[in-house]
Amino acid sequence: MDLPTRHSGVFRKYLVVWQQLAALTLDVLLLAVVLSIPILLVLKSGNRIWLRILKWSAFVALLFPLNILRISSQVSSLESLPAVQDVRVKILLLALGVAAGLWLLWKWERVSTKVTSVILVIFGPILPLVVASIAWSIYTGPPTGRLPDRPLETALPQKAGAPHVLWFLFDEWDESLTYRRRPANLELPELDRFRNQSFHAERAFPPSRETAISIPSLLVGKTFVDKYVNSAGELLMINDPKQPPELLSAKPSVFSAARSAGFNVGIVGFYLPYCRLFGATYCEWNCAVGFLPEEWGYPVSVGRFMALAAKRQVGDIPFAKRLGATRALGETPMKPSLHAVTYRQVHQAALRSIVDSRLNLVFIHWNVPHLPVIYDAAKDDFSNDEANTYVDNLRLVDRTVRDIRLTLENAGLWDSSTILMTSDHPLRLGNEPRVLRLPGPIANYTQASEVPFLLKMAGQKQGMAYDAAMQTVVTKDLLLAIMKGEIAQPEQVAAWLDHNPPRQ
């Protein structure tokens, strides 16, 4: 029941497909067979001790689906009802649940056969009904199961000297570890070279530490505080908790504003469904297969999805993860190899788009240095080696900047391009502690708030430091002012920031 309505479905490329439905159905039937064999053997033996064990095993087994229902999205939506949020109602429901549980515990051996029979009779028809419902949604949905993107916009004609603005957003890029608290043995020559030739803010603060809140804020130029999933292709953004949420795709963005001003837009990204949310002349995006279910980015086989689905259900059983039960069913939640696949795809599309002569504004959302670690700097190659750390991903960012520079220089576009490099949030120490690996000298690193903000204006050769604190949510308005010719020098950027704090 939870399959078609997963909370993060907005980030997927594919809806539920026949392979997934077949896999889940086989999972359920396989589980039924596995559970039936010992039950039939015990019943056939007639041994009273084994029959008592079987009855109490059934009692314990009931706790598993109850726990899964407790944490499912269906129940979570019920908990949002005003009646359920009432403290007195919660206390009453809790008291009834405890009373029923104690009564069953006391009478279980006497009533177990009747209770389990009633439960099976009541819930038995649900499987075919749910399977039929999902089958109908697949049959009436997109033929391939892939959610459609917006049609690409026709390129507008451009005059000679039209702006060429590139906005590179490196996910989870930490200013402190890159510059102020850089490890002594960490060399980032390309990033240092770019910083020395750019306007760089040393105290730049992003709108949020959550990508799905920070990036919409940056693109719209308005600080959001929360988000909700409206459908598999839309986000609802909250600016004021007292006001109703707003459709992200309906908000004026840097892309729509650039188009209205006569400029062409290119978008390459991952995680957020950019090509469904925003219009562009060139657009490519990939699911964040490094830390979201892989089948949302790529169709998978029936066997593979059986393992993925079983792992998610086993993971909902109390203490299953601590006991290592989920490791037997596949990769860890953070999948380095798949994260590397996403990087390669973004990298290829990015290098194509930044030299596309039709485009005036190109936005690239990279999936590094965000964890998991996918790069071994010593070998200059992708790697899943657990000895590698976040610092290696920083080195991959440095190599990426080298590739960007060489591509633009070979196309004769480096000097004439305005380039912004920044991030949606710094390294977050509280996320995925198992994969948060820092080298020894900075193992006691504390949470930072700043992100890099490096802006090379077209033709700029000398760097300029900006010491005042700034909110990066002003990026939309700043880049539009540059594209319209209102700002051309780094000194003008500083003056603009001084007089244009965030408006919303």
Protein backbone atom coordinates (compact mmCIF):
# COMPACT_ATOMS: atom_id res chain seq x y z
CA MET A 1 0.00 0.00 0.00
CA ASP A 2 2.94 2.30 0.68
CA LEU A 3 4.61 1.67 -2.69
CA PRO A 4 2.84 4.27 -4.90
CA THR A 5 2.76 7.00 -2.24
CA ARG A 6 6.25 7.09 -0.77
CA HIS A 7 6.99 10.44 0.87
CA SER A 8 9.96 11.26 -1.36
CA GLY A 9 8.26 10.24 -4.61
CA VAL A 10 8.67 13.75 -5.99
CA PHE A 11 12.35 12.99 -6.55
CA ARG A 12 11.84 9.89 -8.66
CA LYS A 13 11.92 9.53 -12.43
CA TYR A 14 9.71 6.47 -12.58
CA LEU A 15 6.31 5.68 -11.15
CA VAL A 16 5.41 2.16 -10.06
CA VAL A 17 5.93 -0.28 -12.94
CA TRP A 18 4.88 -3.89 -13.58
CA GLN A 19 8.24 -5.30 -12.44
CA GLN A 20 7.84 -3.67 -9.03
CA LEU A 21 4.29 -4.92 -8.57
CA ALA A 22 5.33 -8.43 -9.59
CA ALA A 23 8.32 -8.32 -7.23
CA LEU A 24 6.26 -7.21 -4.23
CA THR A 25 3.57 -9.80 -4.92
CA LEU A 26 6.23 -12.52 -5.14
CA ASP A 27 7.76 -11.23 -1.89
CA VAL A 28 4.42 -11.61 -0.11
CA LEU A 29 3.74 -15.06 -1.55
CA LEU A 30 7.28 -16.22 -0.78
CA LEU A 31 6.93 -15.01 2.80
CA ALA A 32 3.60 -16.88 3.07
CA VAL A 33 5.27 -20.11 1.93
CA VAL A 34 8.24 -19.66 4.27
CA LEU A 35 5.95 -19.08 7.25
CA SER A 36 3.53 -21.86 6.31
CA ILE A 37 6.09 -24.67 6.25
CA PRO A 38 7.03 -24.62 9.97
CA ILE A 39 3.38 -24.01 10.93
CA LEU A 40 2.20 -27.10 9.02
CA LEU A 41 5.03 -29.20 10.45
CA VAL A 42 4.16 -28.21 14.02
CA LEU A 43 0.46 -28.85 13.50
CA LYS A 44 1.20 -32.23 11.97
CA SER A 45 3.43 -33.23 14.89
CA GLY A 46 0.74 -32.47 17.51
CA ASN A 47 3.49 -31.80 20.07
CA ARG A 48 2.01 -29.60 22.85
CA ILE A 49 5.28 -27.80 23.57
CA TRP A 50 5.79 -26.92 19.91
CA LEU A 51 2.14 -25.83 19.66
CA ARG A 52 2.65 -23.42 22.59
CA ILE A 53 5.81 -22.06 20.96
CA LEU A 54 3.89 -21.63 17.70
CA LYS A 55 1.11 -19.66 19.45
CA TRP A 56 3.57 -17.28 21.10
CA SER A 57 5.53 -16.95 17.86
CA ALA A 58 2.29 -15.79 16.23
CA PHE A 59 1.89 -13.19 19.00
CA VAL A 60 5.40 -11.83 18.41
CA ALA A 61 4.88 -11.92 14.64
CA LEU A 62 1.83 -9.65 14.98
CA LEU A 63 4.08 -6.93 16.36
CA PHE A 64 6.01 -6.67 13.07
CA PRO A 65 3.15 -5.56 10.78
CA LEU A 66 1.78 -3.37 13.56
CA ASN A 67 5.11 -1.56 13.77
CA ILE A 68 5.30 -1.20 9.98
CA LEU A 69 1.78 0.24 9.93
CA ARG A 70 2.75 2.57 12.77
CA ILE A 71 5.54 4.20 10.77
CA SER A 72 3.92 4.03 7.32
CA SER A 73 2.96 7.15 5.36
CA GLN A 74 -0.69 6.11 5.48
CA VAL A 75 -0.77 6.27 9.30
CA SER A 76 1.38 9.42 9.31
CA SER A 77 -1.27 11.18 7.24
CA LEU A 78 -3.95 10.11 9.74
CA GLU A 79 -1.89 11.53 12.60
CA SER A 80 -2.12 14.97 11.00
CA LEU A 81 -5.90 15.05 11.57
CA PRO A 82 -6.93 17.59 14.25
CA ALA A 83 -8.83 14.94 16.26
CA VAL A 84 -5.78 12.68 16.43
CA GLN A 85 -3.50 15.56 17.42
CA ASP A 86 -5.64 16.25 20.52
CA VAL A 87 -3.65 15.15 23.59
CA ARG A 88 -6.72 13.60 25.22
CA VAL A 89 -7.45 11.55 22.12
CA LYS A 90 -3.84 10.34 22.00
CA ILE A 91 -3.96 9.33 25.66
CA LEU A 92 -7.25 7.50 25.11
CA LEU A 93 -5.93 5.62 22.06
CA LEU A 94 -2.73 4.73 23.92
CA ALA A 95 -4.70 3.48 26.94
CA LEU A 96 -6.98 1.37 24.74
CA GLY A 97 -3.96 -0.09 22.92
CA VAL A 98 -2.16 -0.96 26.15
CA ALA A 99 -5.31 -2.48 27.64
CA ALA A 100 -5.95 -4.59 24.54
CA GLY A 101 -2.32 -5.71 24.49
CA LEU A 102 -2.35 -6.73 28.16
CA TRP A 103 -5.63 -8.61 27.73
CA LEU A 104 -4.26 -10.50 24.71
CA LEU A 105 -1.06 -11.27 26.60
CA TRP A 106 -3.09 -12.72 29.49
CA LYS A 107 -5.53 -14.74 27.37
CA TRP A 108 -3.32 -15.47 24.40
CA GLU A 109 -2.94 -19.25 24.61
CA ARG A 110 -6.73 -19.60 24.90
CA VAL A 111 -7.75 -17.09 22.19
CA SER A 112 -4.77 -17.24 19.82
CA THR A 113 -6.45 -19.55 17.29
CA LYS A 114 -9.60 -17.41 17.08
CA VAL A 115 -7.73 -14.09 16.99
CA THR A 116 -5.30 -15.12 14.26
CA SER A 117 -8.13 -16.68 12.24
CA VAL A 118 -10.20 -13.47 12.43
CA ILE A 119 -7.19 -11.34 11.48
CA LEU A 120 -6.44 -13.53 8.47
CA VAL A 121 -10.09 -13.48 7.34
CA ILE A 122 -10.27 -9.69 7.63
CA PHE A 123 -6.93 -8.95 5.98
CA GLY A 124 -6.93 -11.77 3.46
CA PRO A 125 -8.86 -9.87 0.74
CA ILE A 126 -6.62 -6.80 1.09
CA LEU A 127 -3.76 -8.31 -0.94
CA PRO A 128 -5.74 -8.92 -4.16
CA LEU A 129 -7.55 -5.58 -3.77
CA VAL A 130 -4.32 -3.61 -3.36
CA VAL A 131 -2.62 -5.53 -6.18
CA ALA A 132 -5.60 -4.80 -8.46
CA SER A 133 -5.58 -1.11 -7.48
CA ILE A 134 -1.87 -0.68 -8.22
CA ALA A 135 -2.21 -2.68 -11.44
CA TRP A 136 -4.91 -0.29 -12.60
CA SER A 137 -2.75 2.75 -11.80
CA ILE A 138 0.12 1.22 -13.80
CA TYR A 139 -2.18 0.40 -16.72
CA THR A 140 -3.59 3.95 -16.87
CA GLY A 141 -0.25 5.67 -16.20
CA PRO A 142 2.68 6.54 -18.49
CA PRO A 143 3.46 3.65 -20.89
CA THR A 144 7.07 3.30 -19.70
CA GLY A 145 6.35 4.31 -16.12
CA ARG A 146 8.60 7.36 -16.53
CA LEU A 147 7.18 10.68 -15.41
CA PRO A 148 7.25 13.20 -18.28
CA ASP A 149 9.41 16.33 -18.16
CA ARG A 150 8.38 19.72 -19.50
CA PRO A 151 8.88 20.22 -23.24
CA LEU A 152 12.11 22.08 -23.99
CA GLU A 153 11.76 25.77 -24.83
CA THR A 154 12.70 27.05 -28.27
CA ALA A 155 15.97 28.97 -28.21
CA LEU A 156 15.57 32.75 -28.48
CA PRO A 157 17.85 34.53 -31.00
CA GLN A 158 20.84 36.22 -29.37
CA LYS A 159 22.79 39.35 -30.26
CA ALA A 160 26.58 39.53 -30.32
CA GLY A 161 28.00 40.06 -26.83
CA ALA A 162 25.09 38.37 -25.06
CA PRO A 163 26.02 37.31 -21.49
CA HIS A 164 27.32 33.86 -20.68
CA VAL A 165 26.68 33.14 -17.00
CA LEU A 166 27.49 29.78 -15.38
CA TRP A 167 26.19 28.92 -11.91
CA PHE A 168 27.88 25.85 -10.40
CA LEU A 169 26.33 24.57 -7.18
CA PHE A 170 28.37 21.83 -5.47
CA ASP A 171 26.19 19.96 -2.98
CA GLU A 172 27.37 19.96 0.66
CA TRP A 173 30.49 21.99 -0.13
CA ASP A 174 32.01 23.23 3.12
CA GLU A 175 33.76 26.62 3.13
CA SER A 176 35.58 25.95 6.39
CA LEU A 177 37.22 22.67 5.35
CA THR A 178 38.00 24.05 1.90
CA TYR A 179 39.64 27.27 3.05
CA ARG A 180 39.67 28.44 6.69
CA ARG A 181 40.32 25.04 8.34
CA ARG A 182 41.82 23.16 5.45
CA PRO A 183 43.97 20.17 6.48
CA ALA A 184 47.68 20.85 6.06
CA ASN A 185 48.15 18.09 3.47
CA LEU A 186 45.12 19.00 1.35
CA GLU A 187 46.03 20.65 -1.95
CA LEU A 188 43.27 22.17 -4.06
CA PRO A 189 45.19 24.04 -6.78
CA GLU A 190 42.28 24.65 -9.14
CA LEU A 191 39.99 25.97 -6.43
CA ASP A 192 42.77 28.21 -5.10
CA ARG A 193 43.50 29.50 -8.58
CA PHE A 194 39.83 30.26 -9.19
CA ARG A 195 39.45 31.98 -5.81
CA ASN A 196 42.50 34.16 -6.43
CA GLN A 197 40.87 35.42 -9.65
CA SER A 198 37.35 35.92 -8.30
CA PHE A 199 35.19 37.94 -5.97
CA HIS A 200 34.92 35.72 -2.89
CA ALA A 201 32.69 36.17 0.14
CA GLU A 202 34.23 34.75 3.28
CA ARG A 203 30.99 34.69 5.30
CA ALA A 204 28.31 33.43 2.94
CA PHE A 205 25.32 31.75 4.58
CA PRO A 206 22.87 29.53 2.65
CA PRO A 207 19.08 29.59 3.21
CA SER A 208 18.92 26.12 4.78
CA ARG A 209 20.91 22.98 5.57
CA GLU A 210 18.42 20.88 3.62
CA THR A 211 18.89 20.68 -0.13
CA ALA A 212 15.18 20.53 -0.98
CA ILE A 213 14.64 23.79 0.92
CA SER A 214 17.89 25.61 0.18
CA ILE A 215 17.98 25.21 -3.60
CA PRO A 216 14.34 26.28 -4.19
CA SER A 217 15.10 29.31 -2.01
CA LEU A 218 18.16 30.15 -4.10
CA LEU A 219 16.34 29.71 -7.42
CA VAL A 220 13.29 31.73 -6.36
CA GLY A 221 15.16 34.33 -4.32
CA LYS A 222 12.90 33.77 -1.33
CA THR A 223 13.81 32.03 1.92
CA PHE A 224 11.63 28.98 2.53
CA VAL A 225 11.52 27.26 5.89
CA ASP A 226 9.91 23.94 5.02
CA LYS A 227 8.61 21.81 2.15
CA TYR A 228 5.90 19.26 1.45
CA VAL A 229 5.54 16.75 -1.33
CA ASN A 230 2.44 17.60 -3.35
CA SER A 231 2.74 14.86 -5.96
CA ALA A 232 5.35 12.82 -7.77
CA GLY A 233 6.24 15.90 -9.78
CA GLU A 234 5.78 18.90 -7.50
CA LEU A 235 6.97 20.49 -4.27
CA LEU A 236 5.00 22.73 -1.94
CA MET A 237 7.20 25.33 -0.26
CA ILE A 238 6.54 27.07 3.06
CA ASN A 239 7.73 30.66 3.51
CA ASP A 240 5.48 31.58 6.44
CA PRO A 241 4.10 28.70 8.57
CA LYS A 242 0.95 30.79 9.09
CA GLN A 243 0.33 31.03 5.34
CA PRO A 244 -0.66 28.25 2.91
CA PRO A 245 2.20 26.53 1.03
CA GLU A 246 3.14 27.62 -2.49
CA LEU A 247 3.72 25.48 -5.58
CA LEU A 248 7.40 25.69 -6.43
CA SER A 249 6.81 25.40 -10.18
CA ALA A 250 4.39 28.36 -10.04
CA LYS A 251 6.89 30.71 -8.37
CA PRO A 252 8.96 33.14 -10.50
CA SER A 253 12.45 31.64 -10.63
CA VAL A 254 15.80 32.79 -11.94
CA PHE A 255 15.05 30.64 -14.99
CA SER A 256 11.68 32.21 -15.82
CA ALA A 257 13.04 35.70 -15.12
CA ALA A 258 15.99 35.12 -17.46
CA ARG A 259 13.65 33.82 -20.16
CA SER A 260 11.39 36.88 -19.77
CA ALA A 261 14.46 39.09 -20.21
CA GLY A 262 15.22 37.38 -23.54
CA PHE A 263 17.87 34.90 -22.40
CA ASN A 264 18.10 31.14 -22.93
CA VAL A 265 18.48 28.80 -19.97
CA GLY A 266 20.24 25.46 -19.51
CA ILE A 267 19.82 23.22 -16.46
CA VAL A 268 21.78 20.15 -15.40
CA GLY A 269 21.21 18.64 -11.99
CA PHE A 270 20.40 15.74 -9.75
CA TYR A 271 17.99 15.00 -6.89
CA LEU A 272 15.40 17.73 -7.58
CA PRO A 273 13.22 17.07 -10.68
CA TYR A 274 14.44 20.21 -12.44
CA CYS A 275 13.10 19.31 -15.86
CA ARG A 276 9.58 18.80 -14.49
CA LEU A 277 9.62 21.93 -12.33
CA PHE A 278 11.25 24.52 -14.60
CA GLY A 279 11.29 25.42 -18.26
CA ALA A 280 14.61 25.50 -20.13
CA THR A 281 16.13 25.32 -23.61
CA TYR A 282 18.45 22.53 -22.40
CA CYS A 283 17.67 20.35 -19.39
CA GLU A 284 18.98 17.08 -17.93
CA TRP A 285 18.58 15.70 -14.42
CA ASN A 286 19.27 12.48 -12.60
CA CYS A 287 17.89 10.97 -9.44
CA ALA A 288 20.21 10.99 -6.45
CA VAL A 289 20.93 7.30 -6.78
CA GLY A 290 23.65 7.60 -4.18
CA PHE A 291 21.14 7.95 -1.36
CA LEU A 292 17.62 7.43 -2.74
CA PRO A 293 16.12 4.11 -3.85
CA GLU A 294 17.91 3.16 -7.07
CA GLU A 295 14.72 2.10 -8.89
CA TRP A 296 13.56 5.74 -8.88
CA GLY A 297 16.38 6.63 -11.23
CA TYR A 298 16.60 3.43 -13.25
CA PRO A 299 14.20 0.51 -13.85
CA VAL A 300 15.43 -2.60 -12.04
CA SER A 301 14.75 -6.29 -12.51
CA VAL A 302 12.09 -8.24 -10.62
CA GLY A 303 14.72 -10.08 -8.58
CA ARG A 304 16.59 -6.92 -7.67
CA PHE A 305 13.43 -5.14 -6.58
CA MET A 306 12.38 -8.15 -4.51
CA ALA A 307 15.61 -7.71 -2.53
CA LEU A 308 15.22 -3.92 -2.29
CA ALA A 309 11.61 -4.14 -1.08
CA ALA A 310 12.38 -6.95 1.37
CA LYS A 311 15.27 -4.96 2.77
CA ARG A 312 13.07 -1.92 3.39
CA GLN A 313 10.47 -4.05 5.16
CA VAL A 314 13.08 -5.90 7.23
CA GLY A 315 14.54 -2.51 8.13
CA ASP A 316 11.20 -1.56 9.70
CA ILE A 317 11.42 -4.45 12.18
CA PRO A 318 12.70 -3.23 15.57
CA PHE A 319 16.44 -3.86 16.08
CA ALA A 320 16.79 -5.43 12.61
CA LYS A 321 19.42 -2.92 11.49
CA ARG A 322 21.42 -3.27 14.70
CA LEU A 323 21.45 -7.03 14.30
CA GLY A 324 22.72 -6.71 10.73
CA ALA A 325 19.65 -8.26 9.11
CA THR A 326 19.51 -5.65 6.32
CA ARG A 327 23.15 -6.06 5.26
CA ALA A 328 22.38 -9.54 3.94
CA LEU A 329 19.96 -8.08 1.38
CA GLY A 330 22.23 -5.66 -0.50
CA GLU A 331 24.24 -2.47 -0.33
CA THR A 332 24.25 0.04 2.48
CA PRO A 333 21.78 2.97 2.24
CA MET A 334 24.54 5.20 0.86
CA LYS A 335 25.65 3.57 -2.41
CA PRO A 336 29.03 4.94 -3.55
CA SER A 337 29.03 3.14 -6.89
CA LEU A 338 25.64 4.57 -7.82
CA HIS A 339 26.64 8.03 -6.56
CA ALA A 340 29.59 7.83 -8.95
CA VAL A 341 27.24 6.96 -11.83
CA THR A 342 25.26 10.13 -11.12
CA TYR A 343 28.46 12.20 -11.00
CA ARG A 344 29.58 10.93 -14.40
CA GLN A 345 26.20 11.71 -15.95
CA VAL A 346 26.06 15.21 -14.48
CA HIS A 347 29.68 15.79 -15.49
CA GLN A 348 29.09 14.84 -19.13
CA ALA A 349 25.91 16.91 -19.42
CA ALA A 350 27.55 19.87 -17.68
CA LEU A 351 30.53 20.02 -20.05
CA ARG A 352 28.14 19.87 -23.01
CA SER A 353 25.90 22.63 -21.73
CA ILE A 354 28.56 25.19 -20.74
CA VAL A 355 29.80 25.43 -24.34
CA ASP A 356 26.31 25.37 -25.92
CA SER A 357 26.26 28.60 -27.96
CA ARG A 358 22.49 28.96 -27.51
CA LEU A 359 22.59 29.29 -23.72
CA ASN A 360 23.05 32.48 -21.69
CA LEU A 361 22.44 31.12 -18.18
CA VAL A 362 23.52 27.58 -17.25
CA PHE A 363 22.79 26.15 -13.80
CA ILE A 364 24.66 22.98 -12.76
CA HIS A 365 23.86 21.13 -9.54
CA TRP A 366 26.70 18.66 -8.83
CA ASN A 367 26.32 15.74 -6.41
CA VAL A 368 29.80 16.21 -4.90
CA PRO A 369 31.40 16.69 -2.43
CA HIS A 370 28.19 15.34 -0.89
CA LEU A 371 28.66 11.95 0.75
CA PRO A 372 29.14 9.07 0.14
CA VAL A 373 32.83 9.28 -0.72
CA ILE A 374 33.38 8.16 -4.32
CA TYR A 375 36.89 9.33 -5.20
CA ASP A 376 40.44 8.20 -4.44
CA ALA A 377 42.68 11.19 -5.07
CA ALA A 378 45.88 9.11 -4.86
CA LYS A 379 44.73 7.00 -7.82
CA ASP A 380 42.77 9.81 -9.50
CA ASP A 381 39.90 7.40 -9.93
CA PHE A 382 36.51 6.54 -8.49
CA SER A 383 36.63 4.21 -5.53
CA ASN A 384 34.49 2.66 -2.78
CA ASP A 385 37.51 2.28 -0.49
CA GLU A 386 36.41 3.00 3.08
CA ALA A 387 39.81 4.57 3.77
CA ASN A 388 38.81 7.56 1.63
CA THR A 389 37.19 10.57 3.29
CA TYR A 390 35.15 13.69 2.60
CA VAL A 391 38.47 15.36 1.80
CA ASP A 392 38.83 13.06 -1.23
CA ASN A 393 35.47 14.29 -2.49
CA LEU A 394 36.82 17.84 -2.10
CA ARG A 395 39.70 16.81 -4.35
CA LEU A 396 37.13 15.59 -6.86
CA VAL A 397 35.55 19.04 -6.80
CA ASP A 398 39.00 20.48 -7.55
CA ARG A 399 39.40 18.10 -10.50
CA THR A 400 35.92 19.07 -11.69
CA VAL A 401 36.88 22.76 -11.66
CA ARG A 402 39.94 21.83 -13.77
CA ASP A 403 37.69 20.10 -16.31
CA ILE A 404 35.39 23.13 -16.41
CA ARG A 405 38.29 25.49 -17.01
CA LEU A 406 39.86 23.37 -19.76
CA THR A 407 36.53 22.93 -21.53
CA LEU A 408 35.83 26.66 -21.52
CA GLU A 409 39.39 27.58 -22.51
CA ASN A 410 39.32 25.15 -25.45
CA ALA A 411 36.07 26.76 -26.59
CA GLY A 412 37.48 30.27 -26.13
CA LEU A 413 34.84 31.09 -23.49
CA TRP A 414 36.77 31.29 -20.23
CA ASP A 415 37.49 35.03 -20.16
CA SER A 416 34.06 36.04 -21.46
CA SER A 417 32.12 33.90 -18.98
CA THR A 418 30.79 34.99 -15.61
CA ILE A 419 31.14 31.99 -13.27
CA LEU A 420 29.66 31.51 -9.82
CA MET A 421 30.70 28.56 -7.63
CA THR A 422 28.80 28.02 -4.39
CA SER A 423 26.80 25.42 -2.43
CA ASP A 424 23.38 24.73 -0.97
CA HIS A 425 24.72 23.87 2.50
CA PRO A 426 27.98 23.02 4.30
CA LEU A 427 29.03 19.56 5.45
CA ARG A 428 26.35 18.30 7.85
CA LEU A 429 27.85 16.37 10.74
CA GLY A 430 24.54 14.92 11.93
CA ASN A 431 23.68 13.07 8.70
CA GLU A 432 24.63 9.44 8.09
CA PRO A 433 27.27 9.16 10.87
CA ARG A 434 28.38 5.78 9.52
CA VAL A 435 29.60 7.32 6.25
CA LEU A 436 30.75 10.67 7.65
CA ARG A 437 34.48 10.09 7.44
CA LEU A 438 36.97 12.84 8.22
CA PRO A 439 40.75 12.45 8.35
CA GLY A 440 42.46 12.27 11.73
CA PRO A 441 43.68 15.89 12.06
CA ILE A 442 40.12 17.23 11.71
CA ALA A 443 38.19 14.37 13.29
CA ASN A 444 36.99 16.78 16.01
CA TYR A 445 35.63 19.21 13.42
CA THR A 446 32.57 21.13 14.61
CA GLN A 447 29.55 22.09 12.52
CA ALA A 448 30.13 25.14 10.31
CA SER A 449 27.50 27.38 8.72
CA GLU A 450 29.27 29.03 5.78
CA VAL A 451 29.50 27.90 2.17
CA PRO A 452 31.95 29.07 -0.51
CA PHE A 453 30.76 31.92 -2.72
CA LEU A 454 33.23 32.52 -5.57
CA LEU A 455 32.14 34.81 -8.41
CA LYS A 456 34.45 35.44 -11.38
CA MET A 457 33.15 38.27 -13.50
CA ALA A 458 33.72 38.19 -17.25
CA GLY A 459 37.25 39.39 -17.92
CA GLN A 460 38.25 39.43 -14.24
CA LYS A 461 41.90 38.59 -13.47
CA GLN A 462 42.39 39.77 -9.87
CA GLY A 463 40.64 38.40 -6.79
CA MET A 464 38.65 40.48 -4.33
CA ALA A 465 37.65 39.47 -0.80
CA TYR A 466 34.29 40.47 0.65
CA ASP A 467 34.39 40.44 4.46
CA ALA A 468 30.79 41.33 5.29
CA ALA A 469 28.26 38.60 6.01
CA MET A 470 25.89 37.82 3.14
CA GLN A 471 22.88 35.61 2.57
CA THR A 472 23.23 33.58 -0.63
CA VAL A 473 19.46 33.74 -1.21
CA VAL A 474 20.19 37.03 -3.06
CA THR A 475 21.99 35.05 -5.80
CA LYS A 476 18.99 35.10 -8.16
CA ASP A 477 18.73 38.90 -8.19
CA LEU A 478 22.51 39.32 -8.34
CA LEU A 479 22.92 37.12 -11.43
CA LEU A 480 19.97 38.74 -13.19
CA ALA A 481 21.53 42.16 -12.57
CA ILE A 482 24.79 40.90 -14.09
CA MET A 483 23.00 39.45 -17.13
CA LYS A 484 21.20 42.74 -17.74
CA GLY A 485 24.50 44.62 -17.68
CA GLU A 486 23.83 46.48 -14.43
CA ILE A 487 26.95 44.97 -12.79
CA ALA A 488 30.24 44.39 -14.61
CA GLN A 489 33.04 44.77 -12.03
CA PRO A 490 33.76 43.01 -8.71
CA GLU A 491 33.62 46.37 -6.90
CA GLN A 492 30.07 46.75 -8.18
CA VAL A 493 29.22 43.31 -6.83
CA ALA A 494 30.36 44.39 -3.35
CA ALA A 495 28.35 47.62 -3.57
CA TRP A 496 25.29 45.72 -4.79
CA LEU A 497 25.49 43.26 -1.86
CA ASP A 498 25.86 46.13 0.60
CA HIS A 499 22.64 47.74 -0.61
CA ASN A 500 20.55 44.66 -1.52
CA PRO A 501 19.92 42.45 1.51
CA PRO A 502 17.40 39.60 1.14
CA ARG A 503 13.94 41.01 0.41
CA GLN A 504 11.88 38.06 1.68
